[in-house]
Amino acid sequence: MTQNYKPAYPPEFRQQMVELVALGKCPKQLSKEFGCHYTSIQTWCRAAGVPIRSSQAIAFAATSSVASLSANERQELLELRKKLKRVE
């Protein structure tokens, strides 16, 4: 009987994924790019003590650094993102 499982990823590959997440990359984007499951990347990051930021948090950080938003604009943006998350 043959076993249908994927061999373990090499330690160098896992370390590279952890380092990319530490630099701000999203695990889901990395999983699409490198062909591994995003929960594997999350598990490796947790084991290494690297916090995982959501793609929305990354997008918000990029938006915040590009343009300064007023308090009202920031609140509106957060509310719209919450609505969008519910729709998705």
Protein backbone atom coordinates (compact mmCIF):
# COMPACT_ATOMS: atom_id res chain seq x y z
CA MET A 1 0.00 0.00 0.00
CA THR A 2 1.43 3.40 -0.95
CA GLN A 3 1.31 6.31 1.44
CA ASN A 4 0.05 9.62 0.13
CA TYR A 5 1.89 12.24 2.12
CA LYS A 6 4.23 15.03 1.27
CA PRO A 7 7.76 14.78 2.70
CA ALA A 8 8.76 17.33 5.32
CA TYR A 9 10.01 20.68 4.11
CA PRO A 10 13.75 21.22 4.55
CA PRO A 11 14.75 23.30 7.60
CA GLU A 12 16.28 25.96 5.32
CA PHE A 13 12.95 26.40 3.53
CA ARG A 14 11.07 26.69 6.82
CA GLN A 15 13.56 29.25 8.12
CA GLN A 16 13.22 31.28 4.92
CA MET A 17 9.43 31.38 5.31
CA VAL A 18 9.74 32.48 8.95
CA GLU A 19 12.18 35.23 7.98
CA LEU A 20 9.86 36.49 5.23
CA VAL A 21 6.93 36.63 7.65
CA ALA A 22 9.13 38.49 10.14
CA LEU A 23 9.79 41.04 7.38
CA GLY A 24 6.04 41.58 7.01
CA LYS A 25 4.99 39.12 4.30
CA CYS A 26 1.58 37.47 4.59
CA PRO A 27 1.63 33.65 5.08
CA LYS A 28 -1.21 33.21 2.58
CA GLN A 29 0.68 35.11 -0.11
CA LEU A 30 3.83 33.12 0.61
CA SER A 31 1.90 29.85 0.42
CA LYS A 32 0.65 30.73 -3.06
CA GLU A 33 4.09 31.84 -4.18
CA PHE A 34 6.06 28.88 -2.81
CA GLY A 35 3.45 26.10 -3.00
CA CYS A 36 3.09 25.13 0.64
CA HIS A 37 0.06 25.41 2.92
CA TYR A 38 -0.29 28.64 4.86
CA THR A 39 -1.02 26.80 8.12
CA SER A 40 2.42 25.19 7.83
CA ILE A 41 3.99 28.64 7.64
CA GLN A 42 1.91 29.80 10.62
CA THR A 43 3.02 26.76 12.63
CA TRP A 44 6.69 27.41 11.84
CA CYS A 45 6.32 31.07 12.82
CA ARG A 46 4.64 30.23 16.12
CA ALA A 47 7.40 27.73 16.91
CA ALA A 48 10.01 30.42 16.16
CA GLY A 49 8.14 33.06 18.19
CA VAL A 50 7.52 35.28 15.15
CA PRO A 51 4.21 37.18 15.28
CA ILE A 52 1.94 36.81 12.27
CA ARG A 53 0.26 39.92 10.96
CA SER A 54 -2.88 39.64 8.86
CA SER A 55 -2.90 40.92 5.30
CA GLN A 56 -5.25 43.71 6.43
CA ALA A 57 -2.81 44.80 9.13
CA ILE A 58 -0.01 44.82 6.57
CA ALA A 59 -2.15 46.83 4.14
CA PHE A 60 -3.11 49.25 6.91
CA ALA A 61 0.53 49.73 7.89
CA ALA A 62 1.42 50.46 4.26
CA THR A 63 -1.48 52.91 3.96
CA SER A 64 -0.53 54.63 7.19
CA SER A 65 3.06 55.14 6.14
CA VAL A 66 2.13 56.49 2.70
CA ALA A 67 -0.42 59.08 3.69
CA SER A 68 -1.31 60.59 7.00
CA LEU A 69 -5.01 60.09 7.79
CA SER A 70 -7.18 62.18 10.04
CA ALA A 71 -8.85 60.47 12.99
CA ASN A 72 -12.22 60.48 11.16
CA GLU A 73 -10.67 59.02 8.00
CA ARG A 74 -8.90 56.33 9.99
CA GLN A 75 -12.14 55.38 11.78
CA GLU A 76 -14.04 55.26 8.48
CA LEU A 77 -11.33 53.09 6.93
CA LEU A 78 -11.48 50.64 9.84
CA GLU A 79 -15.27 50.41 9.61
CA LEU A 80 -15.15 49.80 5.86
CA ARG A 81 -12.55 47.06 6.30
CA LYS A 82 -14.75 45.37 8.92
CA LYS A 83 -17.72 45.49 6.51
CA LEU A 84 -15.58 44.10 3.70
CA LYS A 85 -14.39 41.26 5.91
CA ARG A 86 -17.99 40.30 6.67
CA VAL A 87 -18.84 40.28 2.95
CA GLU A 88 -15.86 38.10 2.01
